[in-house]
Amino acid sequence: MGSLNKVMLIGRLGRDPEERTTANGKCVSSFSLATDTYRGANTEKITEWHRVVVFGKIAEQCNRYLHKGRLVCVEGHLQTKVWEKSPGDKKYFTDVVASRVTFLDSNSQSESHEGPEPEAVAQEEQAIPF
């Protein structure tokens, strides 16, 4: 049997997207996304924070229209990176690399600035350079 690396999250942005450009000129957007889970008999709310990275045209749309508090659906895959802070001290972090972002709330319901009505923005499959 094959394997599958697919993520689908619905949550609110914890901060405005950070915009940058790769060495080859491709637009990148990164933001944090909060999702809530309810656990236990007393239904304790647990908030999980996810690091989301978006590339290309979809990143341009996210940078332009998304702001802290907006409700979005993110579809993509997980990508884990490793680096050594000092010899023998490996650090790991996992990003959600989005291939599709759907804006779920209307502008009147969110704390955002002017932007489009809810829409889906998808990007073509590609190798992600790092």
C-alpha atoms as a PDB file:
ATOM      1  CA  MET A   1       0.000   0.000   0.000  1.00  0.00           C
ATOM      2  CA  GLY A   2       1.196   3.553  -0.752  1.00  0.00           C
ATOM      3  CA  SER A   3       1.441   6.478   1.613  1.00  0.00           C
ATOM      4  CA  LEU A   4      -0.484   9.709   2.014  1.00  0.00           C
ATOM      5  CA  ASN A   5       0.585  13.128   3.290  1.00  0.00           C
ATOM      6  CA  LYS A   6      -2.520  15.351   3.234  1.00  0.00           C
ATOM      7  CA  VAL A   7      -3.676  18.033   5.669  1.00  0.00           C
ATOM      8  CA  MET A   8      -6.961  19.930   5.863  1.00  0.00           C
ATOM      9  CA  LEU A   9      -7.415  22.569   8.569  1.00  0.00           C
ATOM     10  CA  ILE A  10     -10.094  25.153   9.326  1.00  0.00           C
ATOM     11  CA  GLY A  11      -9.072  27.890  11.707  1.00  0.00           C
ATOM     12  CA  ARG A  12      -8.320  31.566  12.261  1.00  0.00           C
ATOM     13  CA  LEU A  13      -5.103  33.403  11.494  1.00  0.00           C
ATOM     14  CA  GLY A  14      -3.123  34.231  14.614  1.00  0.00           C
ATOM     15  CA  ARG A  15      -1.229  37.049  12.906  1.00  0.00           C
ATOM     16  CA  ASP A  16      -1.048  38.841   9.577  1.00  0.00           C
ATOM     17  CA  PRO A  17       0.815  36.874   6.891  1.00  0.00           C
ATOM     18  CA  GLU A  18       4.537  37.508   6.538  1.00  0.00           C
ATOM     19  CA  GLU A  19       5.562  38.152   2.943  1.00  0.00           C
ATOM     20  CA  ARG A  20       8.934  37.361   1.412  1.00  0.00           C
ATOM     21  CA  THR A  21      10.439  36.366  -1.927  1.00  0.00           C
ATOM     22  CA  THR A  22      12.610  33.354  -2.743  1.00  0.00           C
ATOM     23  CA  ALA A  23      16.001  33.741  -4.439  1.00  0.00           C
ATOM     24  CA  ASN A  24      14.362  32.974  -7.795  1.00  0.00           C
ATOM     25  CA  GLY A  25      11.676  35.648  -7.280  1.00  0.00           C
ATOM     26  CA  LYS A  26       8.751  33.472  -6.180  1.00  0.00           C
ATOM     27  CA  CYS A  27       6.342  34.995  -3.638  1.00  0.00           C
ATOM     28  CA  VAL A  28       6.070  33.280  -0.228  1.00  0.00           C
ATOM     29  CA  SER A  29       3.500  33.829   2.507  1.00  0.00           C
ATOM     30  CA  SER A  30       3.676  32.374   6.004  1.00  0.00           C
ATOM     31  CA  PHE A  31       1.191  32.660   8.846  1.00  0.00           C
ATOM     32  CA  SER A  32       0.038  30.894  11.991  1.00  0.00           C
ATOM     33  CA  LEU A  33      -3.355  29.184  12.111  1.00  0.00           C
ATOM     34  CA  ALA A  34      -5.253  28.326  15.301  1.00  0.00           C
ATOM     35  CA  THR A  35      -7.562  25.304  15.473  1.00  0.00           C
ATOM     36  CA  ASP A  36      -9.599  24.235  18.502  1.00  0.00           C
ATOM     37  CA  THR A  37     -10.211  20.749  19.841  1.00  0.00           C
ATOM     38  CA  TYR A  38     -12.498  19.834  22.728  1.00  0.00           C
ATOM     39  CA  ARG A  39     -11.326  17.007  25.018  1.00  0.00           C
ATOM     40  CA  GLY A  40     -12.335  15.340  28.214  1.00  0.00           C
ATOM     41  CA  ALA A  41     -15.542  15.046  30.193  1.00  0.00           C
ATOM     42  CA  ASN A  42     -15.630  18.762  30.942  1.00  0.00           C
ATOM     43  CA  THR A  43     -15.018  19.563  27.234  1.00  0.00           C
ATOM     44  CA  GLU A  44     -11.794  21.463  27.833  1.00  0.00           C
ATOM     45  CA  LYS A  45     -10.892  23.578  24.794  1.00  0.00           C
ATOM     46  CA  ILE A  46      -7.359  23.001  23.507  1.00  0.00           C
ATOM     47  CA  THR A  47      -5.971  25.401  20.881  1.00  0.00           C
ATOM     48  CA  GLU A  48      -3.367  24.024  18.472  1.00  0.00           C
ATOM     49  CA  TRP A  49      -1.143  26.388  16.487  1.00  0.00           C
ATOM     50  CA  HIS A  50       0.013  25.448  12.980  1.00  0.00           C
ATOM     51  CA  ARG A  51       2.717  27.069  10.852  1.00  0.00           C
ATOM     52  CA  VAL A  52       1.438  27.504   7.287  1.00  0.00           C
ATOM     53  CA  VAL A  53       3.611  28.310   4.250  1.00  0.00           C
ATOM     54  CA  VAL A  54       2.202  29.205   0.827  1.00  0.00           C
ATOM     55  CA  PHE A  55       4.025  29.796  -2.481  1.00  0.00           C
ATOM     56  CA  GLY A  56       3.330  31.518  -5.807  1.00  0.00           C
ATOM     57  CA  LYS A  57       0.048  33.101  -6.840  1.00  0.00           C
ATOM     58  CA  ILE A  58      -1.815  31.740  -3.828  1.00  0.00           C
ATOM     59  CA  ALA A  59       0.801  33.422  -1.577  1.00  0.00           C
ATOM     60  CA  GLU A  60       0.187  36.745  -3.326  1.00  0.00           C
ATOM     61  CA  GLN A  61      -3.561  36.409  -2.649  1.00  0.00           C
ATOM     62  CA  CYS A  62      -2.962  35.484   1.004  1.00  0.00           C
ATOM     63  CA  ASN A  63      -0.599  38.422   1.515  1.00  0.00           C
ATOM     64  CA  ARG A  64      -3.112  40.791  -0.059  1.00  0.00           C
ATOM     65  CA  TYR A  65      -6.392  39.664   1.535  1.00  0.00           C
ATOM     66  CA  LEU A  66      -5.703  37.738   4.738  1.00  0.00           C
ATOM     67  CA  HIS A  67      -5.297  39.389   8.117  1.00  0.00           C
ATOM     68  CA  LYS A  68      -5.278  38.305  11.743  1.00  0.00           C
ATOM     69  CA  GLY A  69      -8.614  36.756  12.733  1.00  0.00           C
ATOM     70  CA  ARG A  70      -9.750  35.674   9.247  1.00  0.00           C
ATOM     71  CA  LEU A  71     -11.335  32.205   9.052  1.00  0.00           C
ATOM     72  CA  VAL A  72      -9.741  30.012   6.380  1.00  0.00           C
ATOM     73  CA  CYS A  73      -9.588  26.420   5.207  1.00  0.00           C
ATOM     74  CA  VAL A  74      -6.057  25.283   4.346  1.00  0.00           C
ATOM     75  CA  GLU A  75      -5.344  22.166   2.306  1.00  0.00           C
ATOM     76  CA  GLY A  76      -1.829  20.871   1.744  1.00  0.00           C
ATOM     77  CA  HIS A  77       0.834  18.541   3.103  1.00  0.00           C
ATOM     78  CA  LEU A  78       3.221  18.367   6.059  1.00  0.00           C
ATOM     79  CA  GLN A  79       6.909  19.111   5.618  1.00  0.00           C
ATOM     80  CA  THR A  80       9.411  18.692   8.464  1.00  0.00           C
ATOM     81  CA  LYS A  81      12.748  20.507   8.494  1.00  0.00           C
ATOM     82  CA  VAL A  82      15.790  19.698  10.612  1.00  0.00           C
ATOM     83  CA  TRP A  83      18.822  21.781  11.531  1.00  0.00           C
ATOM     84  CA  GLU A  84      21.597  21.548  14.081  1.00  0.00           C
ATOM     85  CA  LYS A  85      21.698  24.457  16.512  1.00  0.00           C
ATOM     86  CA  SER A  86      24.996  23.143  17.820  1.00  0.00           C
ATOM     87  CA  PRO A  87      26.766  19.822  17.198  1.00  0.00           C
ATOM     88  CA  GLY A  88      24.445  17.041  18.337  1.00  0.00           C
ATOM     89  CA  ASP A  89      21.556  19.443  19.114  1.00  0.00           C
ATOM     90  CA  LYS A  90      19.058  18.823  16.312  1.00  0.00           C
ATOM     91  CA  LYS A  91      15.962  21.000  16.068  1.00  0.00           C
ATOM     92  CA  TYR A  92      12.828  20.018  14.158  1.00  0.00           C
ATOM     93  CA  PHE A  93       9.784  21.957  12.997  1.00  0.00           C
ATOM     94  CA  THR A  94       6.874  21.002  10.813  1.00  0.00           C
ATOM     95  CA  ASP A  95       5.075  23.298   8.396  1.00  0.00           C
ATOM     96  CA  VAL A  96       1.818  22.862   6.541  1.00  0.00           C
ATOM     97  CA  VAL A  97       2.705  23.633   2.916  1.00  0.00           C
ATOM     98  CA  ALA A  98      -0.614  24.834   1.491  1.00  0.00           C
ATOM     99  CA  SER A  99      -1.728  23.971  -2.019  1.00  0.00           C
ATOM    100  CA  ARG A 100      -5.175  25.533  -1.536  1.00  0.00           C
ATOM    101  CA  VAL A 101      -6.543  28.247   0.758  1.00  0.00           C
ATOM    102  CA  THR A 102     -10.256  29.015   0.967  1.00  0.00           C
ATOM    103  CA  PHE A 103     -11.400  32.276   2.592  1.00  0.00           C
ATOM    104  CA  LEU A 104     -14.423  31.260   4.678  1.00  0.00           C
ATOM    105  CA  ASP A 105     -15.696  34.414   6.356  1.00  0.00           C
ATOM    106  CA  SER A 106     -17.033  37.469   4.610  1.00  0.00           C
ATOM    107  CA  ASN A 107     -15.382  40.824   5.131  1.00  0.00           C
ATOM    108  CA  SER A 108     -18.218  42.045   7.316  1.00  0.00           C
ATOM    109  CA  GLN A 109     -17.715  39.114   9.724  1.00  0.00           C
ATOM    110  CA  SER A 110     -13.948  39.401  10.040  1.00  0.00           C
ATOM    111  CA  GLU A 111     -11.559  41.928  11.473  1.00  0.00           C
ATOM    112  CA  SER A 112      -9.792  42.164   8.137  1.00  0.00           C
ATOM    113  CA  HIS A 113      -9.258  45.021   5.757  1.00  0.00           C
ATOM    114  CA  GLU A 114     -10.919  45.164   2.349  1.00  0.00           C
ATOM    115  CA  GLY A 115     -10.606  41.978   0.327  1.00  0.00           C
ATOM    116  CA  PRO A 116     -12.517  39.586  -1.884  1.00  0.00           C
ATOM    117  CA  GLU A 117     -15.597  37.592  -1.045  1.00  0.00           C
ATOM    118  CA  PRO A 118     -14.847  34.041   0.149  1.00  0.00           C
ATOM    119  CA  GLU A 119     -13.006  32.164  -2.551  1.00  0.00           C
ATOM    120  CA  ALA A 120     -10.651  29.299  -3.082  1.00  0.00           C
ATOM    121  CA  VAL A 121      -7.182  29.810  -4.445  1.00  0.00           C
ATOM    122  CA  ALA A 122      -5.241  26.746  -5.555  1.00  0.00           C
ATOM    123  CA  GLN A 123      -1.694  26.435  -6.769  1.00  0.00           C
ATOM    124  CA  GLU A 124      -0.153  23.990  -9.175  1.00  0.00           C
ATOM    125  CA  GLU A 125       1.804  21.014  -7.857  1.00  0.00           C
ATOM    126  CA  GLN A 126       5.496  21.815  -7.707  1.00  0.00           C
ATOM    127  CA  ALA A 127       8.731  21.020  -5.956  1.00  0.00           C
ATOM    128  CA  ILE A 128       9.257  23.398  -3.040  1.00  0.00           C
ATOM    129  CA  PRO A 129      12.835  24.775  -2.957  1.00  0.00           C
ATOM    130  CA  PHE A 130      14.397  25.517   0.427  1.00  0.00           C
END
